[in-house]
Protein backbone atom coordinates (compact mmCIF):
# COMPACT_ATOMS: atom_id res chain seq x y z
CA MET A 1 -45.95 -20.55 49.05
CA LYS A 2 -46.81 -18.78 45.81
CA LYS A 3 -46.31 -15.43 47.52
CA ILE A 4 -42.83 -16.44 48.70
CA ILE A 5 -41.81 -17.66 45.25
CA THR A 6 -43.07 -14.46 43.66
CA ILE A 7 -41.08 -12.31 46.11
CA ILE A 8 -37.91 -14.35 45.47
CA ILE A 9 -38.26 -13.99 41.68
CA LEU A 10 -38.90 -10.25 41.85
CA GLY A 11 -35.94 -9.88 44.20
CA ALA A 12 -33.71 -11.75 41.79
CA LEU A 13 -34.78 -9.43 38.99
CA SER A 14 -33.99 -6.31 41.00
CA LEU A 15 -30.64 -7.78 42.10
CA SER A 16 -29.63 -8.62 38.54
CA SER A 17 -30.46 -5.08 37.46
CA PHE A 18 -28.44 -3.68 40.35
CA CYS A 19 -25.37 -5.74 39.45
CA PHE A 20 -25.25 -4.24 35.97
CA ALA A 21 -26.18 -0.71 36.94
CA GLY A 22 -22.63 0.43 37.44
CA GLU A 23 -21.45 -1.03 34.17
CA ASN A 24 -24.42 0.27 32.24
CA ALA A 25 -24.34 3.80 33.66
CA PRO A 26 -24.10 6.38 30.86
CA MET A 27 -20.62 7.72 30.34
CA ALA A 28 -20.30 11.21 31.73
CA VAL A 29 -19.18 13.74 29.19
CA LYS A 30 -16.38 15.58 30.90
CA ALA A 31 -16.49 19.28 30.24
CA GLU A 32 -12.84 19.99 29.66
CA LYS A 33 -11.88 23.60 30.04
CA GLU A 34 -10.13 24.64 26.89
CA ASN A 35 -6.98 26.64 27.42
CA THR A 36 -4.42 27.82 24.97
CA ALA A 37 -1.51 25.43 24.66
CA SER A 38 1.71 26.80 26.02
CA TYR A 39 3.27 26.30 22.60
CA TRP A 40 1.34 29.19 21.03
CA GLU A 41 2.65 31.55 23.71
CA ASN A 42 6.13 31.10 22.25
CA TYR A 43 5.23 33.39 19.34
CA GLY A 44 4.91 36.32 21.74
CA ASP A 45 1.45 37.40 20.59
CA GLU A 46 -1.47 37.48 23.04
CA LEU A 47 -3.90 38.27 20.22
CA LEU A 48 -3.04 34.99 18.52
CA ASN A 49 -3.57 33.10 21.79
CA GLY A 50 -6.99 34.71 22.16
CA TYR A 51 -8.08 33.82 18.62
CA ILE A 52 -7.03 30.20 19.08
CA GLN A 53 -8.88 29.99 22.39
CA GLU A 54 -11.96 31.52 20.77
CA ALA A 55 -11.80 28.99 17.93
CA LEU A 56 -11.50 26.05 20.34
CA GLU A 57 -14.68 27.22 22.05
CA ASN A 58 -16.79 28.33 19.07
CA ASN A 59 -15.56 26.55 15.94
CA LEU A 60 -18.41 24.59 14.38
CA SER A 61 -16.23 21.74 13.11
CA ILE A 62 -15.05 21.18 16.69
CA LYS A 63 -18.65 21.21 17.91
CA ILE A 64 -19.59 18.65 15.24
CA ALA A 65 -16.74 16.39 16.35
CA GLY A 66 -17.87 16.78 19.96
CA ALA A 67 -21.42 15.79 19.01
CA ARG A 68 -20.08 12.66 17.31
CA ILE A 69 -18.47 11.63 20.59
CA LYS A 70 -21.87 11.75 22.26
CA GLU A 71 -23.33 9.76 19.36
CA SER A 72 -20.72 7.02 19.78
CA GLU A 73 -21.33 6.98 23.54
CA ALA A 74 -25.05 6.56 22.89
CA ILE A 75 -24.31 3.62 20.58
CA LEU A 76 -22.16 2.13 23.34
CA GLY A 77 -25.12 2.49 25.70
CA THR A 78 -27.42 0.59 23.32
CA ILE A 79 -24.96 -2.31 23.07
CA ASN A 80 -24.19 -2.34 26.78
CA ALA A 81 -27.92 -2.45 27.52
CA GLN A 82 -28.12 -5.85 25.82
CA ARG A 83 -26.23 -7.32 28.77
CA LEU A 84 -29.16 -6.51 31.05
CA PRO A 85 -32.44 -8.39 31.39
CA GLN A 86 -35.27 -7.05 29.29
CA LEU A 87 -38.52 -6.52 31.20
CA SER A 88 -41.87 -6.04 29.53
CA ILE A 89 -45.54 -6.19 30.40
CA ASN A 90 -48.19 -7.79 28.20
CA PRO A 91 -51.78 -7.38 29.52
CA SER A 92 -54.10 -9.49 27.37
CA VAL A 93 -57.74 -10.42 27.08
CA TYR A 94 -58.71 -13.75 25.47
CA PRO A 95 -62.45 -14.13 24.75
CA TYR A 96 -63.69 -17.72 24.83
CA ARG A 97 -66.91 -19.63 24.06
CA THR A 98 -67.67 -23.14 25.28
CA ILE A 99 -70.47 -25.70 25.04
CA SER A 100 -71.52 -27.98 27.83
CA ARG A 101 -70.96 -31.67 27.15
CA TRP A 102 -74.07 -32.66 29.13
CA SER A 103 -76.62 -29.94 28.55
CA GLY A 104 -75.49 -28.60 25.22
CA ASN A 105 -75.75 -25.01 26.46
CA PHE A 106 -73.30 -22.40 25.29
CA GLY A 107 -71.19 -20.30 27.66
CA SER A 108 -68.79 -17.43 27.06
CA GLY A 109 -66.42 -15.16 28.97
CA ASN A 110 -63.01 -13.47 28.95
CA LEU A 111 -59.70 -14.79 30.20
CA LEU A 112 -57.75 -11.90 31.71
CA TYR A 113 -53.96 -12.17 31.61
CA PHE A 114 -51.55 -9.67 33.24
CA PRO A 115 -47.96 -10.98 33.03
CA LEU A 116 -44.54 -9.41 33.70
CA LEU A 117 -42.09 -10.93 31.20
CA LEU A 118 -38.33 -11.24 31.55
CA ASN A 119 -35.88 -12.18 28.83
CA TRP A 120 -32.19 -12.25 29.63
CA GLU A 121 -29.44 -13.38 27.27
CA LEU A 122 -26.73 -14.76 29.51
CA ASP A 123 -23.39 -13.59 28.12
CA ILE A 124 -21.59 -16.77 29.09
CA PHE A 125 -19.30 -16.81 26.06
CA GLY A 126 -18.63 -13.06 26.09
CA LYS A 127 -20.35 -12.38 22.77
CA ILE A 128 -21.91 -9.14 23.97
CA SER A 129 -18.81 -8.20 25.98
CA ASP A 130 -16.67 -8.19 22.84
CA ARG A 131 -19.17 -5.95 21.09
CA VAL A 132 -19.12 -3.62 24.09
CA GLN A 133 -15.32 -3.45 23.98
CA ALA A 134 -15.42 -2.73 20.25
CA SER A 135 -17.92 0.05 20.87
CA LYS A 136 -15.69 1.50 23.60
CA MET A 137 -12.89 1.65 21.05
CA GLY A 138 -15.34 3.47 18.79
CA VAL A 139 -15.82 6.10 21.49
CA LYS A 140 -12.06 6.55 21.77
CA ILE A 141 -11.80 6.85 18.00
CA SER A 142 -14.39 9.64 18.08
CA LYS A 143 -12.44 11.43 20.80
CA GLU A 144 -9.30 11.32 18.68
CA ASP A 145 -11.35 12.74 15.81
CA LEU A 146 -12.05 15.70 18.06
CA ASN A 147 -8.33 16.06 18.82
CA ILE A 148 -7.54 15.93 15.09
CA VAL A 149 -10.02 18.71 14.38
CA LYS A 150 -8.74 20.84 17.26
CA LEU A 151 -5.16 20.48 16.05
CA ALA A 152 -6.12 21.32 12.47
CA VAL A 153 -8.22 24.34 13.47
CA SER A 154 -5.63 25.84 15.83
CA SER A 155 -2.88 25.35 13.24
CA GLU A 156 -4.97 26.92 10.48
CA ILE A 157 -5.86 29.84 12.74
CA ALA A 158 -2.18 30.53 13.38
CA ALA A 159 -1.18 30.15 9.71
CA SER A 160 -4.01 32.43 8.53
CA TYR A 161 -3.17 35.00 11.19
CA PHE A 162 0.51 35.07 10.24
CA ASN A 163 -0.33 35.52 6.57
CA ILE A 164 -2.72 38.36 7.41
CA VAL A 165 0.05 40.07 9.39
CA LEU A 166 2.39 39.54 6.44
CA ASP A 167 -0.14 40.97 3.99
CA ASP A 168 -0.52 44.07 6.19
CA LYS A 169 3.19 44.75 5.87
CA LEU A 170 3.39 43.90 2.17
CA ILE A 171 0.38 46.08 1.34
CA LYS A 172 1.91 49.00 3.19
CA ASN A 173 5.20 48.57 1.32
CA TYR A 174 3.53 48.12 -2.07
CA GLU A 175 1.48 51.26 -1.51
CA GLU A 176 4.72 53.13 -0.85
CA ILE A 177 6.32 51.53 -3.91
CA ALA A 178 3.36 52.65 -6.06
CA SER A 179 3.63 56.18 -4.68
CA ASN A 180 7.38 56.05 -5.25
CA LEU A 181 6.89 55.01 -8.88
CA ASP A 182 4.30 57.74 -9.45
CA GLU A 183 6.88 60.33 -8.48
CA THR A 184 9.59 58.57 -10.48
CA ILE A 185 7.40 58.54 -13.60
CA ARG A 186 6.54 62.20 -13.13
CA LEU A 187 10.24 63.11 -12.98
CA LYS A 188 11.17 60.85 -15.90
CA ARG A 189 8.36 62.26 -18.02
CA GLN A 190 9.82 65.73 -17.51
CA LEU A 191 13.23 64.42 -18.55
CA TYR A 192 11.73 62.64 -21.56
CA GLU A 193 9.85 65.71 -22.69
CA GLY A 194 13.09 67.66 -22.34
CA GLY A 195 14.83 65.14 -24.58
CA ILE A 196 17.23 64.02 -21.84
CA ILE A 197 16.19 60.35 -21.60
CA PRO A 198 14.69 57.97 -24.19
CA TYR A 199 11.11 56.72 -23.99
CA ASP A 200 12.34 53.22 -23.11
CA ASN A 201 13.48 54.48 -19.72
CA LEU A 202 10.07 56.00 -19.01
CA TYR A 203 8.19 52.97 -20.32
CA VAL A 204 10.05 50.57 -17.99
CA SER A 205 8.94 52.59 -14.96
CA GLU A 206 5.36 52.82 -16.21
CA TYR A 207 5.20 49.08 -16.76
CA GLU A 208 6.71 48.46 -13.31
CA LEU A 209 3.99 50.65 -11.77
CA VAL A 210 1.25 48.58 -13.41
CA THR A 211 2.91 45.38 -12.20
CA GLN A 212 3.22 46.65 -8.63
CA LYS A 213 -0.40 47.85 -8.56
CA ASN A 214 -1.59 44.45 -9.77
CA GLN A 215 0.44 42.82 -7.02
CA LEU A 216 -1.10 45.24 -4.52
CA ASN A 217 -4.61 44.34 -5.68
CA SER A 218 -3.81 40.63 -5.33
CA LEU A 219 -2.59 41.19 -1.78
CA LEU A 220 -5.72 43.17 -0.87
CA ARG A 221 -7.92 40.38 -2.21
CA GLN A 222 -5.85 37.71 -0.45
CA ARG A 223 -6.04 39.55 2.87
CA GLU A 224 -9.83 39.82 2.65
CA ILE A 225 -10.10 36.09 1.94
CA LEU A 226 -7.83 35.27 4.88
CA LEU A 227 -9.80 37.57 7.18
CA HIS A 228 -13.04 35.87 6.18
CA ARG A 229 -11.49 32.46 6.73
CA LEU A 230 -10.15 33.50 10.13
CA ALA A 231 -13.63 34.64 11.15
CA VAL A 232 -15.21 31.34 10.10
CA LEU A 233 -12.57 29.36 11.98
CA ARG A 234 -13.38 31.39 15.08
CA GLY A 235 -17.05 30.57 14.67
CA VAL A 236 -18.19 34.11 13.87
CA SER A 237 -19.65 35.80 10.81
CA PRO A 238 -17.18 37.13 8.20
CA ASP A 239 -19.06 40.45 8.22
CA GLY A 240 -16.83 43.10 9.71
CA SER A 241 -13.87 40.72 9.92
CA SER A 242 -11.53 43.41 8.54
CA ASN A 243 -11.55 45.16 11.90
CA ILE A 244 -9.90 42.40 13.90
CA GLN A 245 -6.83 43.32 15.88
CA ARG A 246 -3.44 41.93 14.95
CA THR A 247 0.20 42.54 15.68
CA SER A 248 2.95 43.61 13.29
CA VAL A 249 5.24 41.21 11.52
CA GLU A 250 8.28 42.70 13.26
CA LYS A 251 7.02 41.61 16.69
CA LEU A 252 6.45 37.94 15.86
CA GLU A 253 8.97 35.58 17.47
CA PHE A 254 10.20 32.13 16.52
CA PRO A 255 9.08 29.42 18.98
CA PHE A 256 12.37 27.53 18.72
CA GLY A 257 15.72 27.90 17.07
CA LEU A 258 17.14 26.26 14.00
CA ASN A 259 19.19 23.75 16.00
CA ALA A 260 16.47 22.76 18.46
CA GLU A 261 16.39 19.05 19.29
CA ILE A 262 13.07 17.42 18.42
CA SER A 263 12.45 13.78 19.33
CA SER A 264 11.04 11.66 16.54
CA ASP A 265 9.10 9.64 19.13
CA LEU A 266 6.69 12.55 19.43
CA ILE A 267 4.91 11.38 16.28
CA PHE A 268 3.30 8.64 18.38
CA ASN A 269 1.41 11.41 20.18
CA ARG A 270 -0.29 12.48 16.95
CA PRO A 271 -4.06 12.04 17.30
CA ASP A 272 -4.32 10.29 13.93
CA VAL A 273 -1.65 7.78 15.00
CA VAL A 274 -3.38 7.18 18.33
CA GLN A 275 -6.69 6.87 16.49
CA ALA A 276 -5.21 4.31 14.09
CA GLU A 277 -4.13 2.24 17.12
CA TYR A 278 -7.66 2.29 18.49
CA VAL A 279 -9.00 1.30 15.07
CA ILE A 280 -6.77 -1.81 15.13
CA LYS A 281 -7.98 -2.70 18.63
CA LYS A 282 -11.60 -2.26 17.56
CA ALA A 283 -11.01 -4.49 14.54
CA ALA A 284 -9.55 -7.17 16.86
CA PHE A 285 -12.68 -7.12 19.04
CA ASP A 286 -14.85 -7.28 15.93
CA VAL A 287 -13.00 -10.43 14.83
CA LYS A 288 -13.52 -12.00 18.27
CA ALA A 289 -17.21 -11.15 18.16
CA ALA A 290 -17.51 -12.66 14.66
CA LYS A 291 -15.87 -15.89 15.87
CA LYS A 292 -18.20 -16.15 18.86
CA ALA A 293 -21.21 -15.80 16.58
CA PHE A 294 -20.75 -19.54 15.91
CA LEU A 295 -21.46 -20.27 19.59
CA PRO A 296 -24.99 -20.76 20.92
CA SER A 297 -27.02 -18.10 22.69
CA ILE A 298 -28.42 -18.97 26.11
CA ASN A 299 -31.52 -17.14 27.24
CA LEU A 300 -33.29 -17.06 30.57
CA ASN A 301 -37.05 -16.62 30.22
CA GLU A 302 -39.21 -15.76 33.19
CA MET A 303 -42.84 -14.81 33.63
CA VAL A 304 -44.67 -13.58 36.73
CA GLY A 305 -48.26 -12.34 36.63
CA PHE A 306 -51.93 -12.86 37.21
CA GLU A 307 -54.56 -14.84 35.35
CA SER A 308 -58.30 -14.89 36.01
CA LEU A 309 -61.70 -15.28 34.37
CA LYS A 310 -63.11 -12.38 36.36
CA ALA A 311 -61.70 -8.88 36.64
CA GLY A 312 -62.47 -8.65 40.34
CA ARG A 313 -60.24 -11.62 41.09
CA LEU A 314 -57.40 -10.68 38.74
CA PHE A 315 -55.03 -9.35 41.38
CA ASN A 316 -55.78 -11.95 44.05
CA TRP A 317 -52.84 -14.06 45.15
CA ASN A 318 -54.81 -17.13 44.13
CA SER A 319 -54.65 -15.83 40.54
CA THR A 320 -50.84 -15.70 40.54
CA VAL A 321 -49.03 -17.55 37.78
CA TYR A 322 -45.30 -17.86 37.18
CA GLN A 323 -42.99 -19.63 34.82
CA LEU A 324 -39.20 -19.97 34.68
CA GLY A 325 -37.23 -21.52 31.88
CA ALA A 326 -34.01 -21.39 29.90
CA GLY A 327 -33.37 -21.87 26.24
CA LEU A 328 -30.41 -22.49 23.96
CA LEU A 329 -30.34 -21.21 20.40
CA LEU A 330 -27.75 -22.46 17.94
CA ASP A 331 -27.86 -21.69 14.24
CA LEU A 332 -27.21 -24.89 12.30
CA TYR A 333 -27.20 -23.39 8.82
CA THR A 334 -27.08 -19.72 7.73
CA GLY A 335 -26.03 -20.11 4.12
CA GLY A 336 -22.40 -19.26 4.87
CA TYR A 337 -23.27 -15.84 6.30
CA LYS A 338 -21.31 -16.21 9.54
CA MET A 339 -18.24 -17.57 7.80
CA SER A 340 -18.28 -14.74 5.28
CA TYR A 341 -18.81 -12.19 8.04
CA LEU A 342 -15.81 -13.58 9.94
CA LYS A 343 -13.68 -13.43 6.81
CA TYR A 344 -14.78 -9.85 6.23
CA ASN A 345 -13.73 -8.80 9.73
CA LYS A 346 -10.37 -10.54 9.41
CA GLU A 347 -9.63 -8.78 6.13
CA LEU A 348 -10.83 -5.51 7.66
CA ALA A 349 -8.36 -5.99 10.52
CA VAL A 350 -5.55 -6.51 8.01
CA GLU A 351 -6.63 -3.35 6.20
CA LYS A 352 -6.58 -1.36 9.45
CA LEU A 353 -3.08 -2.64 10.18
CA HIS A 354 -1.87 -1.42 6.79
CA GLN A 355 -3.69 1.85 7.41
CA TYR A 356 -1.83 2.28 10.71
CA ASN A 357 1.53 1.73 9.02
CA ASN A 358 0.55 4.19 6.31
CA VAL A 359 -0.43 6.83 8.87
CA LEU A 360 2.86 6.29 10.67
CA LEU A 361 4.92 6.64 7.49
CA ASN A 362 3.07 9.77 6.46
CA ALA A 363 3.63 11.21 9.93
CA VAL A 364 7.38 10.68 9.62
CA CYS A 365 7.34 12.15 6.10
CA GLU A 366 5.38 15.24 7.19
CA THR A 367 7.73 15.81 10.11
CA GLU A 368 10.87 15.51 8.00
CA ASN A 369 9.42 17.74 5.28
CA SER A 370 8.41 20.40 7.80
CA ILE A 371 11.82 20.39 9.47
CA SER A 372 13.62 20.60 6.11
CA SER A 373 11.38 23.47 4.99
CA TYR A 374 11.96 25.29 8.25
CA LYS A 375 15.73 25.06 7.90
CA ALA A 376 15.63 26.35 4.32
CA ASP A 377 13.21 29.21 5.04
CA TYR A 378 14.99 30.21 8.24
CA ASN A 379 18.32 30.37 6.40
CA SER A 380 16.68 32.49 3.69
CA TYR A 381 15.30 34.80 6.35
CA SER A 382 18.74 35.13 7.96
CA GLU A 383 20.34 35.97 4.60
CA PHE A 384 17.68 38.57 3.76
CA LYS A 385 18.02 40.01 7.25
CA ASN A 386 21.73 40.55 6.68
CA MET A 387 21.06 41.96 3.22
CA ILE A 388 18.43 44.41 4.51
CA GLU A 389 21.12 46.14 6.56
CA LYS A 390 23.19 46.67 3.42
CA SER A 391 20.11 47.79 1.51
CA GLY A 392 19.30 50.28 4.27
CA HIS A 393 22.84 51.61 4.12
CA TYR A 394 22.58 51.91 0.33
CA TYR A 395 19.38 53.96 0.64
CA LYS A 396 20.93 56.14 3.34
CA VAL A 397 23.91 56.91 1.08
CA ALA A 398 21.57 57.75 -1.84
CA ASN A 399 19.57 60.07 0.42
CA ILE A 400 22.71 61.84 1.64
CA ARG A 401 23.93 62.31 -1.93
CA TYR A 402 20.58 63.77 -2.98
CA THR A 403 20.51 66.06 0.05
CA ASN A 404 24.08 67.23 -0.61
CA GLY A 405 23.36 67.81 -4.30
CA THR A 406 25.75 65.13 -5.55
CA GLY A 407 22.93 62.74 -6.45
CA ASN A 408 19.46 62.98 -7.97
CA ARG A 409 15.97 62.29 -6.73
CA ILE A 410 15.37 59.43 -9.16
CA ASP A 411 18.34 57.47 -7.81
CA GLU A 412 17.17 58.07 -4.25
CA LEU A 413 13.68 56.82 -5.13
CA ALA A 414 15.17 53.74 -6.80
CA ALA A 415 17.25 53.00 -3.70
CA ARG A 416 14.14 53.28 -1.52
CA ARG A 417 12.20 50.93 -3.79
CA GLN A 418 15.02 48.41 -3.64
CA PHE A 419 14.98 48.59 0.15
CA LEU A 420 11.22 47.95 0.22
CA VAL A 421 11.54 45.02 -2.20
CA ASN A 422 14.28 43.48 -0.05
CA GLU A 423 12.20 44.04 3.07
CA ASN A 424 9.25 42.26 1.46
CA SER A 425 11.48 39.30 0.62
CA MET A 426 12.79 39.19 4.18
CA TYR A 427 9.33 39.15 5.75
CA LEU A 428 8.08 36.61 3.22
CA ALA A 429 10.88 34.30 4.31
CA LYS A 430 10.14 35.01 7.98
CA ILE A 431 6.45 34.16 7.69
CA SER A 432 7.28 31.07 5.63
CA ALA A 433 9.58 29.92 8.43
CA LEU A 434 6.92 30.67 11.05
CA VAL A 435 4.35 28.65 9.10
CA ASP A 436 6.92 25.84 8.94
CA THR A 437 7.05 25.84 12.75
CA ILE A 438 3.26 25.44 12.76
CA ASN A 439 3.59 22.49 10.39
CA ILE A 440 6.21 20.93 12.68
CA TYR A 441 3.88 21.39 15.64
CA LYS A 442 1.03 19.82 13.70
CA ALA A 443 3.18 16.98 12.34
CA LEU A 444 4.17 16.06 15.91
CA GLY A 445 0.58 16.06 17.08
CA GLY A 446 0.86 19.26 19.10
CA SER A 447 3.15 17.56 21.62
CA ILE A 448 5.99 20.10 21.62
CA ASN A 449 5.99 23.12 23.90
């Protein structure tokens, strides 16, 4: 009979473990293959697509966010494990010494105890289930953290790349402007020494040369900083970052036109908005768990094992012992801890609701600001683009006059400088507009193609 009871109890233990196995199985981390979003292809630059893909695979901030997902999944596993029975073994030896009532002789020995212990908190009221659901929301929050980092890194990669391309063009033009001014100063110095022009005329050109060279030095420094930043974002060392390939500013394309229709509902796809929703849901489960803390805990306690005074008989079936019982634990007084903890979670839920509304308002504000900036910068680019044609014509006329002998070299050089200055302004406006498109993409959570 004891053997049958033991088999039934052990079978019940294995069955209970089997029932929870599916629910307690560790969450598989899906290895998602990163591929460049179709949106970035709209700029017409394969190099940019490659750098973004490289960053998504190697960026350390992204890897940190990915590790935090695994951490939150591990925490979920620890909470989910509390729904399962806890098995333990406790082999013990209890020395004893007795005295005979009749003879007065002393006797001694050891009581050997080899039990298998089971403790199982029955989640009748769903106290553990609510904590599990809250932890699942925590996993989803961590996943949205990863999406936030990916969006930020890809956007920063694109913005840095565009500014590097812009600096390449500006540096080239400023170098030509400096060379242009060197020749202009040389010619004006000859005229000044001949008494044809006053010193003021020469001084203005000399001062302009110093200003342009300072601007050139600033651009060189800025480009190096951007190249180093681009390397770090890609997860590589900044050493040798100056040799990366890039396109020219003339080849960059706008991903969408000025009058493109963009739905405001896309802001709900932003990872920070989605994350804020999960935070509210987690807070709701935390409140439920805090309320259920006032309910009793019901535990099932079970023991199966062997007990004997002699080691040779320890594992005989006649030495089998077993015990089955249930207990109820209800805290009668905790000094107001549970009530305060419930109040804390309620106020925290209210805070998370306000936080969600704040995130939503900021998302709308960022989107509207980005769209307004794009319209202004795109219009500036269009105006400079029209002006550059006139500036090119002006330089062409000055060159023809100089070639025909009806003009002078200084005027031709001035016309060329003006063309380069106008070209710099045009490309500055173009890159500003392109960066605005990145900000729009980021403000909408990367949900436009």
